[in-house]
């Protein structure tokens, strides 16, 4: 394999605001979490007053994501090519 091909294969694109170290920290957090800690974290998220958790059909996720982005302040918007 040529060196240029190797470089292309190793190049990883991250979503806006993310990088390798941040992803590794998040993975370490969730991989080291006990089941009890994960449940407490989920319960705390469900108690947020200005947000909600929903189960929606997967095919609606792109449209919901666009709607959320449309209502975010411009300074917090994520460009379409940078969304997960």
PDB file of N, CA and C in Angstrom:
ATOM      1  N   UNK A   1       0.846  -1.185   0.000  1.00  0.00           N
ATOM      2  CA  UNK A   1       0.000   0.000   0.000  1.00  0.00           C
ATOM      3  C   UNK A   1       0.889   1.245   0.000  1.00  0.00           C
ATOM      4  N   UNK A   2       0.543   2.204  -0.790  1.00  0.00           N
ATOM      5  CA  UNK A   2       1.313   3.438  -0.882  1.00  0.00           C
ATOM      6  C   UNK A   2       1.095   4.294   0.356  1.00  0.00           C
ATOM      7  N   UNK A   3       2.091   5.113   0.685  1.00  0.00           N
ATOM      8  CA  UNK A   3       1.988   5.966   1.868  1.00  0.00           C
ATOM      9  C   UNK A   3       0.842   6.965   1.766  1.00  0.00           C
ATOM     10  N   UNK A   4       0.576   7.484   0.572  1.00  0.00           N
ATOM     11  CA  UNK A   4      -0.535   8.437   0.424  1.00  0.00           C
ATOM     12  C   UNK A   4      -1.863   7.741   0.696  1.00  0.00           C
ATOM     13  N   UNK A   5      -1.991   6.486   0.297  1.00  0.00           N
ATOM     14  CA  UNK A   5      -3.208   5.733   0.568  1.00  0.00           C
ATOM     15  C   UNK A   5      -3.365   5.509   2.073  1.00  0.00           C
ATOM     16  N   UNK A   6      -2.259   5.223   2.762  1.00  0.00           N
ATOM     17  CA  UNK A   6      -2.303   5.025   4.205  1.00  0.00           C
ATOM     18  C   UNK A   6      -2.766   6.297   4.907  1.00  0.00           C
ATOM     19  N   UNK A   7      -2.248   7.452   4.473  1.00  0.00           N
ATOM     20  CA  UNK A   7      -2.646   8.720   5.076  1.00  0.00           C
ATOM     21  C   UNK A   7      -4.137   8.956   4.897  1.00  0.00           C
ATOM     22  N   UNK A   8      -4.645   8.678   3.699  1.00  0.00           N
ATOM     23  CA  UNK A   8      -6.068   8.867   3.439  1.00  0.00           C
ATOM     24  C   UNK A   8      -6.906   7.968   4.345  1.00  0.00           C
ATOM     25  N   UNK A   9      -6.475   6.745   4.562  1.00  0.00           N
ATOM     26  CA  UNK A   9      -7.226   5.807   5.384  1.00  0.00           C
ATOM     27  C   UNK A   9      -7.230   6.227   6.857  1.00  0.00           C
ATOM     28  N   UNK A  10      -6.166   6.838   7.331  1.00  0.00           N
ATOM     29  CA  UNK A  10      -6.055   7.216   8.736  1.00  0.00           C
ATOM     30  C   UNK A  10      -6.736   8.542   9.051  1.00  0.00           C
ATOM     31  N   UNK A  11      -7.007   9.352   8.049  1.00  0.00           N
ATOM     32  CA  UNK A  11      -7.633  10.662   8.247  1.00  0.00           C
ATOM     33  C   UNK A  11      -9.090  10.455   8.667  1.00  0.00           C
ATOM     34  N   UNK A  12      -9.438  10.950   9.838  1.00  0.00           N
ATOM     35  CA  UNK A  12     -10.793  10.816  10.353  1.00  0.00           C
ATOM     36  C   UNK A  12     -11.454  12.179  10.410  1.00  0.00           C
ATOM     37  N   UNK A  13     -12.694  12.269   9.935  1.00  0.00           N
ATOM     38  CA  UNK A  13     -13.454  13.509  10.003  1.00  0.00           C
ATOM     39  C   UNK A  13     -14.351  13.432  11.229  1.00  0.00           C
ATOM     40  N   UNK A  14     -14.282  14.442  12.055  1.00  0.00           N
ATOM     41  CA  UNK A  14     -15.108  14.503  13.255  1.00  0.00           C
ATOM     42  C   UNK A  14     -16.197  15.554  13.090  1.00  0.00           C
ATOM     43  N   UNK A  15     -17.314  15.364  13.772  1.00  0.00           N
ATOM     44  CA  UNK A  15     -18.353  16.411  13.754  1.00  0.00           C
ATOM     45  C   UNK A  15     -17.799  17.707  14.352  1.00  0.00           C
ATOM     46  N   UNK A  16     -18.430  18.814  14.034  1.00  0.00           N
ATOM     47  CA  UNK A  16     -17.995  20.114  14.560  1.00  0.00           C
ATOM     48  C   UNK A  16     -17.892  20.060  16.076  1.00  0.00           C
ATOM     49  N   UNK A  17     -16.784  20.549  16.603  1.00  0.00           N
ATOM     50  CA  UNK A  17     -16.592  20.591  18.053  1.00  0.00           C
ATOM     51  C   UNK A  17     -16.045  19.303  18.653  1.00  0.00           C
ATOM     52  N   UNK A  18     -15.803  18.310  17.833  1.00  0.00           N
ATOM     53  CA  UNK A  18     -15.299  17.028  18.330  1.00  0.00           C
ATOM     54  C   UNK A  18     -13.908  16.774  17.779  1.00  0.00           C
ATOM     55  N   UNK A  19     -13.126  15.992  18.541  1.00  0.00           N
ATOM     56  CA  UNK A  19     -11.813  15.557  18.085  1.00  0.00           C
ATOM     57  C   UNK A  19     -11.517  14.211  18.747  1.00  0.00           C
ATOM     58  N   UNK A  20     -10.418  13.605  18.387  1.00  0.00           N
ATOM     59  CA  UNK A  20     -10.068  12.288  18.913  1.00  0.00           C
ATOM     60  C   UNK A  20     -10.031  12.222  20.431  1.00  0.00           C
ATOM     61  N   UNK A  21      -9.323  13.140  21.113  1.00  0.00           N
ATOM     62  CA  UNK A  21      -9.265  13.086  22.574  1.00  0.00           C
ATOM     63  C   UNK A  21     -10.650  13.225  23.231  1.00  0.00           C
ATOM     64  N   UNK A  22     -11.484  14.093  22.691  1.00  0.00           N
ATOM     65  CA  UNK A  22     -12.818  14.279  23.262  1.00  0.00           C
ATOM     66  C   UNK A  22     -13.638  12.994  23.111  1.00  0.00           C
ATOM     67  N   UNK A  23     -13.558  12.375  21.959  1.00  0.00           N
ATOM     68  CA  UNK A  23     -14.294  11.125  21.731  1.00  0.00           C
ATOM     69  C   UNK A  23     -13.802  10.039  22.676  1.00  0.00           C
ATOM     70  N   UNK A  24     -12.488   9.953  22.857  1.00  0.00           N
ATOM     71  CA  UNK A  24     -11.948   8.941  23.784  1.00  0.00           C
ATOM     72  C   UNK A  24     -12.400   9.190  25.212  1.00  0.00           C
ATOM     73  N   UNK A  25     -12.495  10.479  25.638  1.00  0.00           N
ATOM     74  CA  UNK A  25     -12.981  10.795  26.991  1.00  0.00           C
ATOM     75  C   UNK A  25     -14.430  10.355  27.157  1.00  0.00           C
ATOM     76  N   UNK A  26     -15.255  10.632  26.149  1.00  0.00           N
ATOM     77  CA  UNK A  26     -16.668  10.248  26.217  1.00  0.00           C
ATOM     78  C   UNK A  26     -16.794   8.719  26.265  1.00  0.00           C
ATOM     79  N   UNK A  27     -16.037   8.038  25.418  1.00  0.00           N
ATOM     80  CA  UNK A  27     -16.074   6.577  25.431  1.00  0.00           C
ATOM     81  C   UNK A  27     -15.641   6.016  26.785  1.00  0.00           C
ATOM     82  N   UNK A  28     -14.555   6.549  27.352  1.00  0.00           N
ATOM     83  CA  UNK A  28     -14.095   6.095  28.669  1.00  0.00           C
ATOM     84  C   UNK A  28     -15.188   6.288  29.715  1.00  0.00           C
ATOM     85  N   UNK A  29     -15.856   7.435  29.659  1.00  0.00           N
ATOM     86  CA  UNK A  29     -16.917   7.734  30.618  1.00  0.00           C
ATOM     87  C   UNK A  29     -18.002   6.659  30.563  1.00  0.00           C
ATOM     88  N   UNK A  30     -18.519   6.395  29.362  1.00  0.00           N
ATOM     89  CA  UNK A  30     -19.628   5.455  29.242  1.00  0.00           C
ATOM     90  C   UNK A  30     -19.199   4.004  29.406  1.00  0.00           C
ATOM     91  N   UNK A  31     -17.995   3.668  28.988  1.00  0.00           N
ATOM     92  CA  UNK A  31     -17.527   2.297  29.150  1.00  0.00           C
ATOM     93  C   UNK A  31     -17.207   1.953  30.604  1.00  0.00           C
ATOM     94  N   UNK A  32     -16.878   2.960  31.405  1.00  0.00           N
ATOM     95  CA  UNK A  32     -16.540   2.693  32.811  1.00  0.00           C
ATOM     96  C   UNK A  32     -17.747   2.866  33.738  1.00  0.00           C
ATOM     97  N   UNK A  33     -18.853   3.319  33.201  1.00  0.00           N
ATOM     98  CA  UNK A  33     -20.047   3.576  33.994  1.00  0.00           C
ATOM     99  C   UNK A  33     -20.699   2.268  34.436  1.00  0.00           C
ATOM    100  N   UNK A  34     -21.139   2.232  35.686  1.00  0.00           N
ATOM    101  CA  UNK A  34     -21.907   1.072  36.129  1.00  0.00           C
ATOM    102  C   UNK A  34     -23.329   1.210  35.597  1.00  0.00           C
ATOM    103  N   UNK A  35     -24.074   0.129  35.644  1.00  0.00           N
ATOM    104  CA  UNK A  35     -25.464   0.182  35.179  1.00  0.00           C
ATOM    105  C   UNK A  35     -26.268   1.166  36.034  1.00  0.00           C
ATOM    106  N   UNK A  36     -25.994   1.174  37.325  1.00  0.00           N
ATOM    107  CA  UNK A  36     -26.692   2.097  38.237  1.00  0.00           C
ATOM    108  C   UNK A  36     -26.386   3.564  37.886  1.00  0.00           C
ATOM    109  N   UNK A  37     -25.123   3.859  37.594  1.00  0.00           N
ATOM    110  CA  UNK A  37     -24.748   5.227  37.208  1.00  0.00           C
ATOM    111  C   UNK A  37     -25.427   5.637  35.902  1.00  0.00           C
ATOM    112  N   UNK A  38     -25.511   4.714  34.950  1.00  0.00           N
ATOM    113  CA  UNK A  38     -26.156   4.999  33.671  1.00  0.00           C
ATOM    114  C   UNK A  38     -27.639   5.289  33.874  1.00  0.00           C
ATOM    115  N   UNK A  39     -28.274   4.530  34.744  1.00  0.00           N
ATOM    116  CA  UNK A  39     -29.698   4.753  35.027  1.00  0.00           C
ATOM    117  C   UNK A  39     -29.903   6.117  35.670  1.00  0.00           C
ATOM    118  N   UNK A  40     -29.045   6.475  36.638  1.00  0.00           N
ATOM    119  CA  UNK A  40     -29.158   7.790  37.279  1.00  0.00           C
ATOM    120  C   UNK A  40     -28.971   8.917  36.270  1.00  0.00           C
ATOM    121  N   UNK A  41     -28.021   8.746  35.354  1.00  0.00           N
ATOM    122  CA  UNK A  41     -27.779   9.764  34.333  1.00  0.00           C
ATOM    123  C   UNK A  41     -29.012   9.908  33.424  1.00  0.00           C
ATOM    124  N   UNK A  42     -29.596   8.786  33.021  1.00  0.00           N
ATOM    125  CA  UNK A  42     -30.803   8.826  32.186  1.00  0.00           C
ATOM    126  C   UNK A  42     -31.963   9.492  32.925  1.00  0.00           C
ATOM    127  N   UNK A  43     -32.123   9.170  34.188  1.00  0.00           N
ATOM    128  CA  UNK A  43     -33.206   9.761  34.975  1.00  0.00           C
ATOM    129  C   UNK A  43     -33.011  11.269  35.124  1.00  0.00           C
ATOM    130  N   UNK A  44     -31.776  11.694  35.335  1.00  0.00           N
ATOM    131  CA  UNK A  44     -31.494  13.131  35.463  1.00  0.00           C
ATOM    132  C   UNK A  44     -31.835  13.852  34.159  1.00  0.00           C
ATOM    133  N   UNK A  45     -31.526  13.233  33.030  1.00  0.00           N
ATOM    134  CA  UNK A  45     -31.831  13.852  31.735  1.00  0.00           C
ATOM    135  C   UNK A  45     -33.332  13.983  31.540  1.00  0.00           C
ATOM    136  N   UNK A  46     -34.088  13.031  32.050  1.00  0.00           N
ATOM    137  CA  UNK A  46     -35.541  13.080  31.865  1.00  0.00           C
ATOM    138  C   UNK A  46     -36.192  14.140  32.748  1.00  0.00           C
ATOM    139  N   UNK A  47     -35.459  14.679  33.698  1.00  0.00           N
ATOM    140  CA  UNK A  47     -35.999  15.698  34.601  1.00  0.00           C
ATOM    141  C   UNK A  47     -35.726  17.133  34.126  1.00  0.00           C
ATOM    142  N   UNK A  48     -35.078  17.289  32.982  1.00  0.00           N
ATOM    143  CA  UNK A  48     -34.811  18.622  32.456  1.00  0.00           C
ATOM    144  C   UNK A  48     -36.126  19.325  32.161  1.00  0.00           C
ATOM    145  N   UNK A  49     -36.232  20.562  32.584  1.00  0.00           N
ATOM    146  CA  UNK A  49     -37.493  21.303  32.439  1.00  0.00           C
ATOM    147  C   UNK A  49     -37.713  21.855  31.035  1.00  0.00           C
ATOM    148  N   UNK A  50     -36.637  22.166  30.313  1.00  0.00           N
ATOM    149  CA  UNK A  50     -36.797  22.792  29.002  1.00  0.00           C
ATOM    150  C   UNK A  50     -36.543  21.841  27.829  1.00  0.00           C
ATOM    151  N   UNK A  51     -36.433  20.538  28.112  1.00  0.00           N
ATOM    152  CA  UNK A  51     -36.183  19.558  27.063  1.00  0.00           C
ATOM    153  C   UNK A  51     -37.032  18.320  27.320  1.00  0.00           C
ATOM    154  N   UNK A  52     -37.148  17.478  26.305  1.00  0.00           N
ATOM    155  CA  UNK A  52     -37.894  16.239  26.456  1.00  0.00           C
ATOM    156  C   UNK A  52     -37.214  15.128  25.677  1.00  0.00           C
ATOM    157  N   UNK A  53     -37.485  13.907  26.063  1.00  0.00           N
ATOM    158  CA  UNK A  53     -36.986  12.734  25.354  1.00  0.00           C
ATOM    159  C   UNK A  53     -38.164  12.092  24.644  1.00  0.00           C
ATOM    160  N   UNK A  54     -37.938  11.679  23.402  1.00  0.00           N
ATOM    161  CA  UNK A  54     -39.013  11.062  22.621  1.00  0.00           C
ATOM    162  C   UNK A  54     -38.472   9.877  21.834  1.00  0.00           C
ATOM    163  N   UNK A  55     -39.370   8.946  21.550  1.00  0.00           N
ATOM    164  CA  UNK A  55     -39.062   7.866  20.629  1.00  0.00           C
ATOM    165  C   UNK A  55     -39.786   8.233  19.337  1.00  0.00           C
ATOM    166  N   UNK A  56     -39.024   8.314  18.251  1.00  0.00           N
ATOM    167  CA  UNK A  56     -39.610   8.685  16.962  1.00  0.00           C
ATOM    168  C   UNK A  56     -39.139   7.689  15.911  1.00  0.00           C
ATOM    169  N   UNK A  57     -39.909   7.524  14.849  1.00  0.00           N
ATOM    170  CA  UNK A  57     -39.457   6.649  13.757  1.00  0.00           C
ATOM    171  C   UNK A  57     -38.149   7.173  13.170  1.00  0.00           C
ATOM    172  N   UNK A  58     -37.235   6.266  12.878  1.00  0.00           N
ATOM    173  CA  UNK A  58     -35.920   6.655  12.337  1.00  0.00           C
ATOM    174  C   UNK A  58     -36.038   7.513  11.089  1.00  0.00           C
ATOM    175  N   UNK A  59     -37.032   7.233  10.259  1.00  0.00           N
ATOM    176  CA  UNK A  59     -37.128   7.989   9.014  1.00  0.00           C
ATOM    177  C   UNK A  59     -37.459   9.464   9.259  1.00  0.00           C
ATOM    178  N   UNK A  60     -37.945   9.808  10.456  1.00  0.00           N
ATOM    179  CA  UNK A  60     -38.257  11.203  10.774  1.00  0.00           C
ATOM    180  C   UNK A  60     -37.079  11.967  11.379  1.00  0.00           C
ATOM    181  N   UNK A  61     -36.034  11.266  11.773  1.00  0.00           N
ATOM    182  CA  UNK A  61     -34.902  11.911  12.443  1.00  0.00           C
ATOM    183  C   UNK A  61     -34.287  13.040  11.615  1.00  0.00           C
ATOM    184  N   UNK A  62     -34.028  12.859  10.312  1.00  0.00           N
ATOM    185  CA  UNK A  62     -33.447  13.970   9.550  1.00  0.00           C
ATOM    186  C   UNK A  62     -34.341  15.220   9.554  1.00  0.00           C
ATOM    187  N   UNK A  63     -35.628  15.038   9.417  1.00  0.00           N
ATOM    188  CA  UNK A  63     -36.544  16.185   9.403  1.00  0.00           C
ATOM    189  C   UNK A  63     -36.596  16.853  10.779  1.00  0.00           C
ATOM    190  N   UNK A  64     -36.605  16.072  11.827  1.00  0.00           N
ATOM    191  CA  UNK A  64     -36.615  16.622  13.187  1.00  0.00           C
ATOM    192  C   UNK A  64     -35.321  17.386  13.447  1.00  0.00           C
ATOM    193  N   UNK A  65     -34.208  16.836  12.992  1.00  0.00           N
ATOM    194  CA  UNK A  65     -32.911  17.503  13.151  1.00  0.00           C
ATOM    195  C   UNK A  65     -32.916  18.852  12.443  1.00  0.00           C
ATOM    196  N   UNK A  66     -33.452  18.899  11.225  1.00  0.00           N
ATOM    197  CA  UNK A  66     -33.530  20.172  10.490  1.00  0.00           C
ATOM    198  C   UNK A  66     -34.411  21.172  11.241  1.00  0.00           C
ATOM    199  N   UNK A  67     -35.517  20.704  11.784  1.00  0.00           N
ATOM    200  CA  UNK A  67     -36.422  21.579  12.529  1.00  0.00           C
ATOM    201  C   UNK A  67     -35.738  22.150  13.774  1.00  0.00           C
ATOM    202  N   UNK A  68     -35.019  21.312  14.494  1.00  0.00           N
ATOM    203  CA  UNK A  68     -34.293  21.780  15.683  1.00  0.00           C
ATOM    204  C   UNK A  68     -33.246  22.823  15.289  1.00  0.00           C
ATOM    205  N   UNK A  69     -32.489  22.535  14.238  1.00  0.00           N
ATOM    206  CA  UNK A  69     -31.469  23.484  13.773  1.00  0.00           C
ATOM    207  C   UNK A  69     -32.092  24.816  13.380  1.00  0.00           C
ATOM    208  N   UNK A  70     -33.254  24.767  12.760  1.00  0.00           N
ATOM    209  CA  UNK A  70     -33.944  25.975  12.325  1.00  0.00           C
ATOM    210  C   UNK A  70     -34.300  26.873  13.513  1.00  0.00           C
ATOM    211  N   UNK A  71     -34.563  26.288  14.670  1.00  0.00           N
ATOM    212  CA  UNK A  71     -34.984  27.044  15.844  1.00  0.00           C
ATOM    213  C   UNK A  71     -33.838  27.375  16.799  1.00  0.00           C
ATOM    214  N   UNK A  72     -32.630  26.911  16.492  1.00  0.00           N
ATOM    215  CA  UNK A  72     -31.463  27.243  17.322  1.00  0.00           C
ATOM    216  C   UNK A  72     -30.998  28.647  16.986  1.00  0.00           C
ATOM    217  N   UNK A  73     -30.407  29.335  17.970  1.00  0.00           N
ATOM    218  CA  UNK A  73     -29.791  30.632  17.640  1.00  0.00           C
ATOM    219  C   UNK A  73     -28.701  30.403  16.585  1.00  0.00           C
ATOM    220  N   UNK A  74     -28.534  31.360  15.695  1.00  0.00           N
ATOM    221  CA  UNK A  74     -27.557  31.216  14.603  1.00  0.00           C
ATOM    222  C   UNK A  74     -26.166  30.833  15.100  1.00  0.00           C
ATOM    223  N   UNK A  75     -25.756  31.367  16.231  1.00  0.00           N
ATOM    224  CA  UNK A  75     -24.404  31.101  16.737  1.00  0.00           C
ATOM    225  C   UNK A  75     -24.222  29.650  17.164  1.00  0.00           C
ATOM    226  N   UNK A  76     -25.309  28.924  17.418  1.00  0.00           N
ATOM    227  CA  UNK A  76     -25.216  27.532  17.874  1.00  0.00           C
ATOM    228  C   UNK A  76     -25.537  26.518  16.786  1.00  0.00           C
ATOM    229  N   UNK A  77     -25.811  26.970  15.576  1.00  0.00           N
ATOM    230  CA  UNK A  77     -26.208  26.054  14.509  1.00  0.00           C
ATOM    231  C   UNK A  77     -25.021  25.233  14.018  1.00  0.00           C
ATOM    232  N   UNK A  78     -25.314  23.991  13.680  1.00  0.00           N
ATOM    233  CA  UNK A  78     -24.297  23.086  13.139  1.00  0.00           C
ATOM    234  C   UNK A  78     -24.568  22.961  11.644  1.00  0.00           C
ATOM    235  N   UNK A  79     -23.560  23.216  10.810  1.00  0.00           N
ATOM    236  CA  UNK A  79     -23.763  23.089   9.360  1.00  0.00           C
ATOM    237  C   UNK A  79     -24.200  21.671   8.996  1.00  0.00           C
ATOM    238  N   UNK A  80     -25.039  21.507   7.964  1.00  0.00           N
ATOM    239  CA  UNK A  80     -25.550  20.183   7.584  1.00  0.00           C
ATOM    240  C   UNK A  80     -24.449  19.137   7.372  1.00  0.00           C
ATOM    241  N   UNK A  81     -23.320  19.537   6.807  1.00  0.00           N
ATOM    242  CA  UNK A  81     -22.250  18.576   6.550  1.00  0.00           C
ATOM    243  C   UNK A  81     -21.490  18.186   7.812  1.00  0.00           C
ATOM    244  N   UNK A  82     -21.754  18.844   8.941  1.00  0.00           N
ATOM    245  CA  UNK A  82     -21.064  18.548  10.189  1.00  0.00           C
ATOM    246  C   UNK A  82     -21.950  17.803  11.190  1.00  0.00           C
ATOM    247  N   UNK A  83     -23.208  17.554  10.826  1.00  0.00           N
ATOM    248  CA  UNK A  83     -24.126  16.853  11.725  1.00  0.00           C
ATOM    249  C   UNK A  83     -23.790  15.382  11.760  1.00  0.00           C
ATOM    250  N   UNK A  84     -24.088  14.765  12.882  1.00  0.00           N
ATOM    251  CA  UNK A  84     -23.811  13.339  13.043  1.00  0.00           C
ATOM    252  C   UNK A  84     -24.750  12.491  12.247  1.00  0.00           C
TER     253      UNK A  84
END
